[in-house]
Every structure is written in C-alpha cells, then in structure tokens.
Amino acid sequence: SRDNAKNTVYLQMDSLKPEDTAVYYCAASLKDYGLGYLRCGYGYGLDS
C-alpha cells in the first residue's frame, strides 16, 4: 500500500515463513512501465 501524503510505501507481511527471511529493499521509478515481470519481478528501470 502507499500513502502519498506521507511519501511512504508499506509492505504488510502476515503469516510469515522461514523462507521469507531476506533483506528487503524498496525501489522506485518516476517513469511508468507497467506492473509485469520485468518491472516488478526483475526490477527493470527502477533507478532508485
């Protein structure tokens, strides 16, 4: 979810499993690309 007024994006994680253990990163792009694998699975074009 996001709250633009707070300039913040959230990730609510429930029912966590040991395999969820990882370093979690957020990323952003001002240029829209579409929410497919290249952008969201691979991170293409996310420059921040």
ModelCIF file with pLDDT and N, C-alpha, C, O atoms, coordinates in Angstrom:
data_MODEL
#
_entry.id   MODEL 
#
_entity.id                         1 
_entity.type                       polymer 
_entity.pdbx_number_of_molecules   1 
#
_entity_poly.entity_id                      1 
_entity_poly.type                           'polypeptide(L)' 
_entity_poly.nstd_linkage                   no 
_entity_poly.nstd_monomer                   no 
_entity_poly.pdbx_seq_one_letter_code       SRDNAKNTVYLQMDSLKPEDTAVYYCAASLKDYGLGYLRCGYGYGLDS 
_entity_poly.pdbx_seq_one_letter_code_can   SRDNAKNTVYLQMDSLKPEDTAVYYCAASLKDYGLGYLRCGYGYGLDS 
_entity_poly.pdbx_strand_id                 A 
#
loop_
_entity_poly_seq.entity_id 
_entity_poly_seq.num 
_entity_poly_seq.mon_id 
_entity_poly_seq.hetero 
1 1  SER n 
1 2  ARG n 
1 3  ASP n 
1 4  ASN n 
1 5  ALA n 
1 6  LYS n 
1 7  ASN n 
1 8  THR n 
1 9  VAL n 
1 10 TYR n 
1 11 LEU n 
1 12 GLN n 
1 13 MET n 
1 14 ASP n 
1 15 SER n 
1 16 LEU n 
1 17 LYS n 
1 18 PRO n 
1 19 GLU n 
1 20 ASP n 
1 21 THR n 
1 22 ALA n 
1 23 VAL n 
1 24 TYR n 
1 25 TYR n 
1 26 CYS n 
1 27 ALA n 
1 28 ALA n 
1 29 SER n 
1 30 LEU n 
1 31 LYS n 
1 32 ASP n 
1 33 TYR n 
1 34 GLY n 
1 35 LEU n 
1 36 GLY n 
1 37 TYR n 
1 38 LEU n 
1 39 ARG n 
1 40 CYS n 
1 41 GLY n 
1 42 TYR n 
1 43 GLY n 
1 44 TYR n 
1 45 GLY n 
1 46 LEU n 
1 47 ASP n 
1 48 SER n 
#
_struct_asym.id          A 
_struct_asym.entity_id   1 
#
loop_
_ma_qa_metric.id 
_ma_qa_metric.mode 
_ma_qa_metric.name 
_ma_qa_metric.software_group_id 
_ma_qa_metric.type 
1 global pLDDT . pLDDT 
2 local  pLDDT . pLDDT 
#
_ma_qa_metric_global.metric_id      1 
_ma_qa_metric_global.metric_value   94.50 
_ma_qa_metric_global.model_id       1 
_ma_qa_metric_global.ordinal_id     1 
#
loop_
_ma_qa_metric_local.label_asym_id 
_ma_qa_metric_local.label_comp_id 
_ma_qa_metric_local.label_seq_id 
_ma_qa_metric_local.metric_id 
_ma_qa_metric_local.metric_value 
_ma_qa_metric_local.model_id 
_ma_qa_metric_local.ordinal_id 
A SER 1  2 95.00 1 1  
A ARG 2  2 93.00 1 2  
A ASP 3  2 92.00 1 3  
A ASN 4  2 89.00 1 4  
A ALA 5  2 89.00 1 5  
A LYS 6  2 92.00 1 6  
A ASN 7  2 93.00 1 7  
A THR 8  2 94.00 1 8  
A VAL 9  2 95.00 1 9  
A TYR 10 2 97.00 1 10 
A LEU 11 2 98.00 1 11 
A GLN 12 2 98.00 1 12 
A MET 13 2 98.00 1 13 
A ASP 14 2 98.00 1 14 
A SER 15 2 98.00 1 15 
A LEU 16 2 98.00 1 16 
A LYS 17 2 98.00 1 17 
A PRO 18 2 98.00 1 18 
A GLU 19 2 97.00 1 19 
A ASP 20 2 98.00 1 20 
A THR 21 2 98.00 1 21 
A ALA 22 2 98.00 1 22 
A VAL 23 2 98.00 1 23 
A TYR 24 2 98.00 1 24 
A TYR 25 2 98.00 1 25 
A CYS 26 2 97.00 1 26 
A ALA 27 2 97.00 1 27 
A ALA 28 2 95.00 1 28 
A SER 29 2 93.00 1 29 
A LEU 30 2 89.00 1 30 
A LYS 31 2 89.00 1 31 
A ASP 32 2 89.00 1 32 
A TYR 33 2 89.00 1 33 
A GLY 34 2 88.00 1 34 
A LEU 35 2 92.00 1 35 
A GLY 36 2 93.00 1 36 
A TYR 37 2 93.00 1 37 
A LEU 38 2 94.00 1 38 
A ARG 39 2 94.00 1 39 
A CYS 40 2 96.00 1 40 
A GLY 41 2 95.00 1 41 
A TYR 42 2 93.00 1 42 
A GLY 43 2 94.00 1 43 
A TYR 44 2 94.00 1 44 
A GLY 45 2 94.00 1 45 
A LEU 46 2 94.00 1 46 
A ASP 47 2 92.00 1 47 
A SER 48 2 94.00 1 48 
#
loop_
_atom_site.group_PDB 
_atom_site.id 
_atom_site.type_symbol 
_atom_site.label_atom_id 
_atom_site.label_alt_id 
_atom_site.label_comp_id 
_atom_site.label_asym_id 
_atom_site.label_entity_id 
_atom_site.label_seq_id 
_atom_site.pdbx_PDB_ins_code 
_atom_site.Cartn_x 
_atom_site.Cartn_y 
_atom_site.Cartn_z 
_atom_site.occupancy 
_atom_site.B_iso_or_equiv 
_atom_site.pdbx_formal_charge 
_atom_site.auth_seq_id 
_atom_site.auth_comp_id 
_atom_site.auth_asym_id 
_atom_site.auth_atom_id 
_atom_site.pdbx_PDB_model_num 
ATOM 1   N N  . SER A 1 1  ? 0.844  -1.184  0.000   1.00 95.00 ? 1  SER A N  1 
ATOM 2   C CA . SER A 1 1  ? 0.000  0.000   0.000   1.00 95.00 ? 1  SER A CA 1 
ATOM 3   C C  . SER A 1 1  ? 0.884  1.239   0.000   1.00 95.00 ? 1  SER A C  1 
ATOM 4   O O  . SER A 1 1  ? 2.086  1.159   0.250   1.00 95.00 ? 1  SER A O  1 
ATOM 5   N N  . ARG A 1 2  ? 0.278  2.376   -0.281  1.00 93.00 ? 2  ARG A N  1 
ATOM 6   C CA . ARG A 1 2  ? 1.041  3.620   -0.296  1.00 93.00 ? 2  ARG A CA 1 
ATOM 7   C C  . ARG A 1 2  ? 0.228  4.740   0.316   1.00 93.00 ? 2  ARG A C  1 
ATOM 8   O O  . ARG A 1 2  ? -1.003 4.722   0.296   1.00 93.00 ? 2  ARG A O  1 
ATOM 9   N N  . ASP A 1 3  ? 0.932  5.710   0.857   1.00 92.00 ? 3  ASP A N  1 
ATOM 10  C CA . ASP A 1 3  ? 0.327  6.919   1.397   1.00 92.00 ? 3  ASP A CA 1 
ATOM 11  C C  . ASP A 1 3  ? 1.141  8.079   0.853   1.00 92.00 ? 3  ASP A C  1 
ATOM 12  O O  . ASP A 1 3  ? 2.179  8.438   1.410   1.00 92.00 ? 3  ASP A O  1 
ATOM 13  N N  . ASN A 1 4  ? 0.667  8.658   -0.233  1.00 89.00 ? 4  ASN A N  1 
ATOM 14  C CA . ASN A 1 4  ? 1.423  9.726   -0.882  1.00 89.00 ? 4  ASN A CA 1 
ATOM 15  C C  . ASN A 1 4  ? 1.579  10.953  0.015   1.00 89.00 ? 4  ASN A C  1 
ATOM 16  O O  . ASN A 1 4  ? 2.577  11.667  -0.077  1.00 89.00 ? 4  ASN A O  1 
ATOM 17  N N  . ALA A 1 5  ? 0.603  11.196  0.874   1.00 89.00 ? 5  ALA A N  1 
ATOM 18  C CA . ALA A 1 5  ? 0.703  12.329  1.785   1.00 89.00 ? 5  ALA A CA 1 
ATOM 19  C C  . ALA A 1 5  ? 1.881  12.185  2.736   1.00 89.00 ? 5  ALA A C  1 
ATOM 20  O O  . ALA A 1 5  ? 2.443  13.182  3.187   1.00 89.00 ? 5  ALA A O  1 
ATOM 21  N N  . LYS A 1 6  ? 2.258  10.942  3.043   1.00 92.00 ? 6  LYS A N  1 
ATOM 22  C CA . LYS A 1 6  ? 3.391  10.670  3.917   1.00 92.00 ? 6  LYS A CA 1 
ATOM 23  C C  . LYS A 1 6  ? 4.639  10.268  3.141   1.00 92.00 ? 6  LYS A C  1 
ATOM 24  O O  . LYS A 1 6  ? 5.670  9.957   3.738   1.00 92.00 ? 6  LYS A O  1 
ATOM 25  N N  . ASN A 1 7  ? 4.549  10.274  1.813   1.00 93.00 ? 7  ASN A N  1 
ATOM 26  C CA . ASN A 1 7  ? 5.667  9.879   0.953   1.00 93.00 ? 7  ASN A CA 1 
ATOM 27  C C  . ASN A 1 7  ? 6.211  8.507   1.345   1.00 93.00 ? 7  ASN A C  1 
ATOM 28  O O  . ASN A 1 7  ? 7.423  8.308   1.433   1.00 93.00 ? 7  ASN A O  1 
ATOM 29  N N  . THR A 1 8  ? 5.302  7.573   1.578   1.00 94.00 ? 8  THR A N  1 
ATOM 30  C CA . THR A 1 8  ? 5.672  6.272   2.123   1.00 94.00 ? 8  THR A CA 1 
ATOM 31  C C  . THR A 1 8  ? 4.928  5.150   1.406   1.00 94.00 ? 8  THR A C  1 
ATOM 32  O O  . THR A 1 8  ? 3.748  5.280   1.080   1.00 94.00 ? 8  THR A O  1 
ATOM 33  N N  . VAL A 1 9  ? 5.630  4.051   1.169   1.00 95.00 ? 9  VAL A N  1 
ATOM 34  C CA . VAL A 1 9  ? 5.028  2.819   0.690   1.00 95.00 ? 9  VAL A CA 1 
ATOM 35  C C  . VAL A 1 9  ? 5.249  1.751   1.759   1.00 95.00 ? 9  VAL A C  1 
ATOM 36  O O  . VAL A 1 9  ? 6.308  1.702   2.384   1.00 95.00 ? 9  VAL A O  1 
ATOM 37  N N  . TYR A 1 10 ? 4.246  0.895   1.965   1.00 97.00 ? 10 TYR A N  1 
ATOM 38  C CA . TYR A 1 10 ? 4.284  -0.110  3.013   1.00 97.00 ? 10 TYR A CA 1 
ATOM 39  C C  . TYR A 1 10 ? 4.215  -1.509  2.418   1.00 97.00 ? 10 TYR A C  1 
ATOM 40  O O  . TYR A 1 10 ? 3.701  -1.709  1.318   1.00 97.00 ? 10 TYR A O  1 
ATOM 41  N N  . LEU A 1 11 ? 4.738  -2.467  3.162   1.00 98.00 ? 11 LEU A N  1 
ATOM 42  C CA . LEU A 1 11 ? 4.558  -3.877  2.862   1.00 98.00 ? 11 LEU A CA 1 
ATOM 43  C C  . LEU A 1 11 ? 4.137  -4.573  4.146   1.00 98.00 ? 11 LEU A C  1 
ATOM 44  O O  . LEU A 1 11 ? 4.952  -4.793  5.042   1.00 98.00 ? 11 LEU A O  1 
ATOM 45  N N  . GLN A 1 12 ? 2.861  -4.915  4.226   1.00 98.00 ? 12 GLN A N  1 
ATOM 46  C CA . GLN A 1 12 ? 2.341  -5.667  5.359   1.00 98.00 ? 12 GLN A CA 1 
ATOM 47  C C  . GLN A 1 12 ? 2.574  -7.146  5.097   1.00 98.00 ? 12 GLN A C  1 
ATOM 48  O O  . GLN A 1 12 ? 2.118  -7.681  4.087   1.00 98.00 ? 12 GLN A O  1 
ATOM 49  N N  . MET A 1 13 ? 3.279  -7.806  6.002   1.00 98.00 ? 13 MET A N  1 
ATOM 50  C CA . MET A 1 13 ? 3.645  -9.204  5.845   1.00 98.00 ? 13 MET A CA 1 
ATOM 51  C C  . MET A 1 13 ? 2.996  -10.012 6.971   1.00 98.00 ? 13 MET A C  1 
ATOM 52  O O  . MET A 1 13 ? 3.313  -9.825  8.145   1.00 98.00 ? 13 MET A O  1 
ATOM 53  N N  . ASP A 1 14 ? 2.098  -10.899 6.599   1.00 98.00 ? 14 ASP A N  1 
ATOM 54  C CA . ASP A 1 14 ? 1.399  -11.753 7.545   1.00 98.00 ? 14 ASP A CA 1 
ATOM 55  C C  . ASP A 1 14 ? 1.747  -13.213 7.273   1.00 98.00 ? 14 ASP A C  1 
ATOM 56  O O  . ASP A 1 14 ? 2.241  -13.555 6.199   1.00 98.00 ? 14 ASP A O  1 
ATOM 57  N N  . SER A 1 15 ? 1.485  -14.061 8.251   1.00 98.00 ? 15 SER A N  1 
ATOM 58  C CA . SER A 1 15 ? 1.741  -15.499 8.131   1.00 98.00 ? 15 SER A CA 1 
ATOM 59  C C  . SER A 1 15 ? 3.150  -15.773 7.636   1.00 98.00 ? 15 SER A C  1 
ATOM 60  O O  . SER A 1 15 ? 3.355  -16.556 6.709   1.00 98.00 ? 15 SER A O  1 
ATOM 61  N N  . LEU A 1 16 ? 4.102  -15.130 8.253   1.00 98.00 ? 16 LEU A N  1 
ATOM 62  C CA . LEU A 1 16 ? 5.487  -15.220 7.799   1.00 98.00 ? 16 LEU A CA 1 
ATOM 63  C C  . LEU A 1 16 ? 6.041  -16.628 7.964   1.00 98.00 ? 16 LEU A C  1 
ATOM 64  O O  . LEU A 1 16 ? 5.725  -17.337 8.920   1.00 98.00 ? 16 LEU A O  1 
ATOM 65  N N  . LYS A 1 17 ? 6.874  -17.009 7.009   1.00 98.00 ? 17 LYS A N  1 
ATOM 66  C CA . LYS A 1 17 ? 7.513  -18.310 6.971   1.00 98.00 ? 17 LYS A CA 1 
ATOM 67  C C  . LYS A 1 17 ? 9.023  -18.143 7.030   1.00 98.00 ? 17 LYS A C  1 
ATOM 68  O O  . LYS A 1 17 ? 9.536  -17.084 6.667   1.00 98.00 ? 17 LYS A O  1 
ATOM 69  N N  . PRO A 1 18 ? 9.749  -19.168 7.479   1.00 98.00 ? 18 PRO A N  1 
ATOM 70  C CA . PRO A 1 18 ? 11.211 -19.060 7.493   1.00 98.00 ? 18 PRO A CA 1 
ATOM 71  C C  . PRO A 1 18 ? 11.801 -18.710 6.131   1.00 98.00 ? 18 PRO A C  1 
ATOM 72  O O  . PRO A 1 18 ? 12.816 -18.016 6.065   1.00 98.00 ? 18 PRO A O  1 
ATOM 73  N N  . GLU A 1 19 ? 11.192 -19.171 5.053   1.00 97.00 ? 19 GLU A N  1 
ATOM 74  C CA . GLU A 1 19 ? 11.696 -18.875 3.720   1.00 97.00 ? 19 GLU A CA 1 
ATOM 75  C C  . GLU A 1 19 ? 11.492 -17.423 3.303   1.00 97.00 ? 19 GLU A C  1 
ATOM 76  O O  . GLU A 1 19 ? 11.983 -17.012 2.251   1.00 97.00 ? 19 GLU A O  1 
ATOM 77  N N  . ASP A 1 20 ? 10.777 -16.639 4.109   1.00 98.00 ? 20 ASP A N  1 
ATOM 78  C CA . ASP A 1 20 ? 10.659 -15.206 3.870   1.00 98.00 ? 20 ASP A CA 1 
ATOM 79  C C  . ASP A 1 20 ? 11.874 -14.441 4.388   1.00 98.00 ? 20 ASP A C  1 
ATOM 80  O O  . ASP A 1 20 ? 11.995 -13.241 4.141   1.00 98.00 ? 20 ASP A O  1 
ATOM 81  N N  . THR A 1 21 ? 12.760 -15.107 5.090   1.00 98.00 ? 21 THR A N  1 
ATOM 82  C CA . THR A 1 21 ? 13.950 -14.457 5.624   1.00 98.00 ? 21 THR A CA 1 
ATOM 83  C C  . THR A 1 21 ? 14.798 -13.896 4.489   1.00 98.00 ? 21 THR A C  1 
ATOM 84  O O  . THR A 1 21 ? 15.189 -14.629 3.580   1.00 98.00 ? 21 THR A O  1 
ATOM 85  N N  . ALA A 1 22 ? 15.079 -12.606 4.541   1.00 98.00 ? 22 ALA A N  1 
ATOM 86  C CA . ALA A 1 22 ? 15.826 -11.945 3.478   1.00 98.00 ? 22 ALA A CA 1 
ATOM 87  C C  . ALA A 1 22 ? 16.049 -10.489 3.860   1.00 98.00 ? 22 ALA A C  1 
ATOM 88  O O  . ALA A 1 22 ? 15.454 -9.981  4.811   1.00 98.00 ? 22 ALA A O  1 
ATOM 89  N N  . VAL A 1 23 ? 16.915 -9.830  3.103   1.00 98.00 ? 23 VAL A N  1 
ATOM 90  C CA . VAL A 1 23 ? 16.994 -8.384  3.137   1.00 98.00 ? 23 VAL A CA 1 
ATOM 91  C C  . VAL A 1 23 ? 15.967 -7.848  2.155   1.00 98.00 ? 23 VAL A C  1 
ATOM 92  O O  . VAL A 1 23 ? 15.957 -8.242  0.989   1.00 98.00 ? 23 VAL A O  1 
ATOM 93  N N  . TYR A 1 24 ? 15.112 -6.963  2.614   1.00 98.00 ? 24 TYR A N  1 
ATOM 94  C CA . TYR A 1 24 ? 14.050 -6.405  1.797   1.00 98.00 ? 24 TYR A CA 1 
ATOM 95  C C  . TYR A 1 24 ? 14.415 -4.987  1.373   1.00 98.00 ? 24 TYR A C  1 
ATOM 96  O O  . TYR A 1 24 ? 14.831 -4.167  2.192   1.00 98.00 ? 24 TYR A O  1 
ATOM 97  N N  . TYR A 1 25 ? 14.255 -4.714  0.091   1.00 98.00 ? 25 TYR A N  1 
ATOM 98  C CA . TYR A 1 25 ? 14.576 -3.425  -0.496  1.00 98.00 ? 25 TYR A CA 1 
ATOM 99  C C  . TYR A 1 25 ? 13.341 -2.816  -1.138  1.00 98.00 ? 25 TYR A C  1 
ATOM 100 O O  . TYR A 1 25 ? 12.500 -3.534  -1.678  1.00 98.00 ? 25 TYR A O  1 
ATOM 101 N N  . CYS A 1 26 ? 13.231 -1.503  -1.081  1.00 97.00 ? 26 CYS A N  1 
ATOM 102 C CA . CYS A 1 26 ? 12.229 -0.821  -1.876  1.00 97.00 ? 26 CYS A CA 1 
ATOM 103 C C  . CYS A 1 26 ? 12.915 -0.097  -3.022  1.00 97.00 ? 26 CYS A C  1 
ATOM 104 O O  . CYS A 1 26 ? 14.089 0.264   -2.935  1.00 97.00 ? 26 CYS A O  1 
ATOM 105 N N  . ALA A 1 27 ? 12.168 0.108   -4.091  1.00 97.00 ? 27 ALA A N  1 
ATOM 106 C CA . ALA A 1 27 ? 12.700 0.746   -5.282  1.00 97.00 ? 27 ALA A CA 1 
ATOM 107 C C  . ALA A 1 27 ? 11.604 1.554   -5.947  1.00 97.00 ? 27 ALA A C  1 
ATOM 108 O O  . ALA A 1 27 ? 10.417 1.308   -5.729  1.00 97.00 ? 27 ALA A O  1 
ATOM 109 N N  . ALA A 1 28 ? 12.012 2.527   -6.764  1.00 95.00 ? 28 ALA A N  1 
ATOM 110 C CA . ALA A 1 28 ? 11.047 3.441   -7.349  1.00 95.00 ? 28 ALA A CA 1 
ATOM 111 C C  . ALA A 1 28 ? 11.498 3.920   -8.715  1.00 95.00 ? 28 ALA A C  1 
ATOM 112 O O  . ALA A 1 28 ? 12.689 3.954   -9.025  1.00 95.00 ? 28 ALA A O  1 
ATOM 113 N N  . SER A 1 29 ? 10.518 4.289   -9.521  1.00 93.00 ? 29 SER A N  1 
ATOM 114 C CA . SER A 1 29 ? 10.768 4.918   -10.807 1.00 93.00 ? 29 SER A CA 1 
ATOM 115 C C  . SER A 1 29 ? 9.687  5.936   -11.084 1.00 93.00 ? 29 SER A C  1 
ATOM 116 O O  . SER A 1 29 ? 8.503  5.668   -10.880 1.00 93.00 ? 29 SER A O  1 
ATOM 117 N N  . LEU A 1 30 ? 10.089 7.095   -11.545 1.00 89.00 ? 30 LEU A N  1 
ATOM 118 C CA . LEU A 1 30 ? 9.127  8.114   -11.939 1.00 89.00 ? 30 LEU A CA 1 
ATOM 119 C C  . LEU A 1 30 ? 8.471  7.776   -13.268 1.00 89.00 ? 30 LEU A C  1 
ATOM 120 O O  . LEU A 1 30 ? 7.358  8.222   -13.546 1.00 89.00 ? 30 LEU A O  1 
ATOM 121 N N  . LYS A 1 31 ? 9.152  6.995   -14.084 1.00 89.00 ? 31 LYS A N  1 
ATOM 122 C CA . LYS A 1 31 ? 8.633  6.610   -15.385 1.00 89.00 ? 31 LYS A CA 1 
ATOM 123 C C  . LYS A 1 31 ? 7.818  5.339   -15.263 1.00 89.00 ? 31 LYS A C  1 
ATOM 124 O O  . LYS A 1 31 ? 8.335  4.302   -14.846 1.00 89.00 ? 31 LYS A O  1 
ATOM 125 N N  . ASP A 1 32 ? 6.546  5.414   -15.625 1.00 89.00 ? 32 ASP A N  1 
ATOM 126 C CA . ASP A 1 32 ? 5.686  4.241   -15.607 1.00 89.00 ? 32 ASP A CA 1 
ATOM 127 C C  . ASP A 1 32 ? 6.138  3.236   -16.654 1.00 89.00 ? 32 ASP A C  1 
ATOM 128 O O  . ASP A 1 32 ? 6.506  3.606   -17.769 1.00 89.00 ? 32 ASP A O  1 
ATOM 129 N N  . TYR A 1 33 ? 6.107  1.956   -16.281 1.00 89.00 ? 33 TYR A N  1 
ATOM 130 C CA . TYR A 1 33 ? 6.497  0.889   -17.184 1.00 89.00 ? 33 TYR A CA 1 
ATOM 131 C C  . TYR A 1 33 ? 5.438  -0.198  -17.255 1.00 89.00 ? 33 TYR A C  1 
ATOM 132 O O  . TYR A 1 33 ? 5.343  -0.905  -18.258 1.00 89.00 ? 33 TYR A O  1 
ATOM 133 N N  . GLY A 1 34 ? 4.656  -0.337  -16.221 1.00 88.00 ? 34 GLY A N  1 
ATOM 134 C CA . GLY A 1 34 ? 3.647  -1.386  -16.144 1.00 88.00 ? 34 GLY A CA 1 
ATOM 135 C C  . GLY A 1 34 ? 4.060  -2.457  -15.159 1.00 88.00 ? 34 GLY A C  1 
ATOM 136 O O  . GLY A 1 34 ? 5.244  -2.766  -15.024 1.00 88.00 ? 34 GLY A O  1 
ATOM 137 N N  . LEU A 1 35 ? 3.086  -3.021  -14.475 1.00 92.00 ? 35 LEU A N  1 
ATOM 138 C CA . LEU A 1 35 ? 3.361  -3.942  -13.373 1.00 92.00 ? 35 LEU A CA 1 
ATOM 139 C C  . LEU A 1 35 ? 3.418  -5.389  -13.852 1.00 92.00 ? 35 LEU A C  1 
ATOM 140 O O  . LEU A 1 35 ? 2.620  -6.225  -13.427 1.00 92.00 ? 35 LEU A O  1 
ATOM 141 N N  . GLY A 1 36 ? 4.356  -5.671  -14.727 1.00 93.00 ? 36 GLY A N  1 
ATOM 142 C CA . GLY A 1 36 ? 4.627  -7.026  -15.165 1.00 93.00 ? 36 GLY A CA 1 
ATOM 143 C C  . GLY A 1 36 ? 5.911  -7.550  -14.568 1.00 93.00 ? 36 GLY A C  1 
ATOM 144 O O  . GLY A 1 36 ? 6.473  -6.951  -13.651 1.00 93.00 ? 36 GLY A O  1 
ATOM 145 N N  . TYR A 1 37 ? 6.379  -8.686  -15.099 1.00 93.00 ? 37 TYR A N  1 
ATOM 146 C CA . TYR A 1 37 ? 7.561  -9.324  -14.529 1.00 93.00 ? 37 TYR A CA 1 
ATOM 147 C C  . TYR A 1 37 ? 8.804  -8.446  -14.646 1.00 93.00 ? 37 TYR A C  1 
ATOM 148 O O  . TYR A 1 37 ? 9.578  -8.356  -13.693 1.00 93.00 ? 37 TYR A O  1 
ATOM 149 N N  . LEU A 1 38 ? 9.013  -7.799  -15.788 1.00 94.00 ? 38 LEU A N  1 
ATOM 150 C CA . LEU A 1 38 ? 10.245 -7.045  -15.986 1.00 94.00 ? 38 LEU A CA 1 
ATOM 151 C C  . LEU A 1 38 ? 10.401 -5.947  -14.939 1.00 94.00 ? 38 LEU A C  1 
ATOM 152 O O  . LEU A 1 38 ? 11.486 -5.766  -14.386 1.00 94.00 ? 38 LEU A O  1 
ATOM 153 N N  . ARG A 1 39 ? 9.337  -5.222  -14.668 1.00 94.00 ? 39 ARG A N  1 
ATOM 154 C CA . ARG A 1 39 ? 9.405  -4.167  -13.679 1.00 94.00 ? 39 ARG A CA 1 
ATOM 155 C C  . ARG A 1 39 ? 9.373  -4.720  -12.256 1.00 94.00 ? 39 ARG A C  1 
ATOM 156 O O  . ARG A 1 39 ? 10.205 -4.345  -11.430 1.00 94.00 ? 39 ARG A O  1 
ATOM 157 N N  . CYS A 1 40 ? 8.437  -5.595  -11.966 1.00 96.00 ? 40 CYS A N  1 
ATOM 158 C CA . CYS A 1 40 ? 8.177  -5.999  -10.592 1.00 96.00 ? 40 CYS A CA 1 
ATOM 159 C C  . CYS A 1 40 ? 8.918  -7.256  -10.159 1.00 96.00 ? 40 CYS A C  1 
ATOM 160 O O  . CYS A 1 40 ? 9.237  -7.402  -8.979  1.00 96.00 ? 40 CYS A O  1 
ATOM 161 N N  . GLY A 1 41 ? 9.196  -8.158  -11.078 1.00 95.00 ? 41 GLY A N  1 
ATOM 162 C CA . GLY A 1 41 ? 9.941  -9.355  -10.741 1.00 95.00 ? 41 GLY A CA 1 
ATOM 163 C C  . GLY A 1 41 ? 11.434 -9.193  -10.909 1.00 95.00 ? 41 GLY A C  1 
ATOM 164 O O  . GLY A 1 41 ? 12.215 -9.731  -10.124 1.00 95.00 ? 41 GLY A O  1 
ATOM 165 N N  . TYR A 1 42 ? 11.840 -8.448  -11.938 1.00 93.00 ? 42 TYR A N  1 
ATOM 166 C CA . TYR A 1 42 ? 13.250 -8.247  -12.242 1.00 93.00 ? 42 TYR A CA 1 
ATOM 167 C C  . TYR A 1 42 ? 13.781 -6.910  -11.744 1.00 93.00 ? 42 TYR A C  1 
ATOM 168 O O  . TYR A 1 42 ? 14.945 -6.821  -11.352 1.00 93.00 ? 42 TYR A O  1 
ATOM 169 N N  . GLY A 1 43 ? 12.961 -5.881  -11.750 1.00 94.00 ? 43 GLY A N  1 
ATOM 170 C CA . GLY A 1 43 ? 13.377 -4.560  -11.321 1.00 94.00 ? 43 GLY A CA 1 
ATOM 171 C C  . GLY A 1 43 ? 13.835 -3.658  -12.441 1.00 94.00 ? 43 GLY A C  1 
ATOM 172 O O  . GLY A 1 43 ? 14.547 -2.682  -12.205 1.00 94.00 ? 43 GLY A O  1 
ATOM 173 N N  . TYR A 1 44 ? 13.434 -3.976  -13.664 1.00 94.00 ? 44 TYR A N  1 
ATOM 174 C CA . TYR A 1 44 ? 13.868 -3.189  -14.810 1.00 94.00 ? 44 TYR A CA 1 
ATOM 175 C C  . TYR A 1 44 ? 13.425 -1.739  -14.690 1.00 94.00 ? 44 TYR A C  1 
ATOM 176 O O  . TYR A 1 44 ? 12.255 -1.452  -14.435 1.00 94.00 ? 44 TYR A O  1 
ATOM 177 N N  . GLY A 1 45 ? 14.373 -0.832  -14.876 1.00 94.00 ? 45 GLY A N  1 
ATOM 178 C CA . GLY A 1 45 ? 14.073 0.582   -14.921 1.00 94.00 ? 45 GLY A CA 1 
ATOM 179 C C  . GLY A 1 45 ? 13.836 1.249   -13.588 1.00 94.00 ? 45 GLY A C  1 
ATOM 180 O O  . GLY A 1 45 ? 13.541 2.443   -13.546 1.00 94.00 ? 45 GLY A O  1 
ATOM 181 N N  . LEU A 1 46 ? 13.956 0.513   -12.492 1.00 94.00 ? 46 LEU A N  1 
ATOM 182 C CA . LEU A 1 46 ? 13.819 1.106   -11.167 1.00 94.00 ? 46 LEU A CA 1 
ATOM 183 C C  . LEU A 1 46 ? 15.163 1.728   -10.783 1.00 94.00 ? 46 LEU A C  1 
ATOM 184 O O  . LEU A 1 46 ? 16.105 1.019   -10.429 1.00 94.00 ? 46 LEU A O  1 
ATOM 185 N N  . ASP A 1 47 ? 15.241 3.033   -10.855 1.00 92.00 ? 47 ASP A N  1 
ATOM 186 C CA . ASP A 1 47 ? 16.524 3.714   -10.748 1.00 92.00 ? 47 ASP A CA 1 
ATOM 187 C C  . ASP A 1 47 ? 16.830 4.262   -9.358  1.00 92.00 ? 47 ASP A C  1 
ATOM 188 O O  . ASP A 1 47 ? 17.887 4.862   -9.159  1.00 92.00 ? 47 ASP A O  1 
ATOM 189 N N  . SER A 1 48 ? 15.945 4.072   -8.407  1.00 94.00 ? 48 SER A N  1 
ATOM 190 C CA . SER A 1 48 ? 16.182 4.490   -7.032  1.00 94.00 ? 48 SER A CA 1 
ATOM 191 C C  . SER A 1 48 ? 15.957 3.308   -6.108  1.00 94.00 ? 48 SER A C  1 
ATOM 192 O O  . SER A 1 48 ? 16.104 3.438   -4.893  1.00 94.00 ? 48 SER A O  1 
#
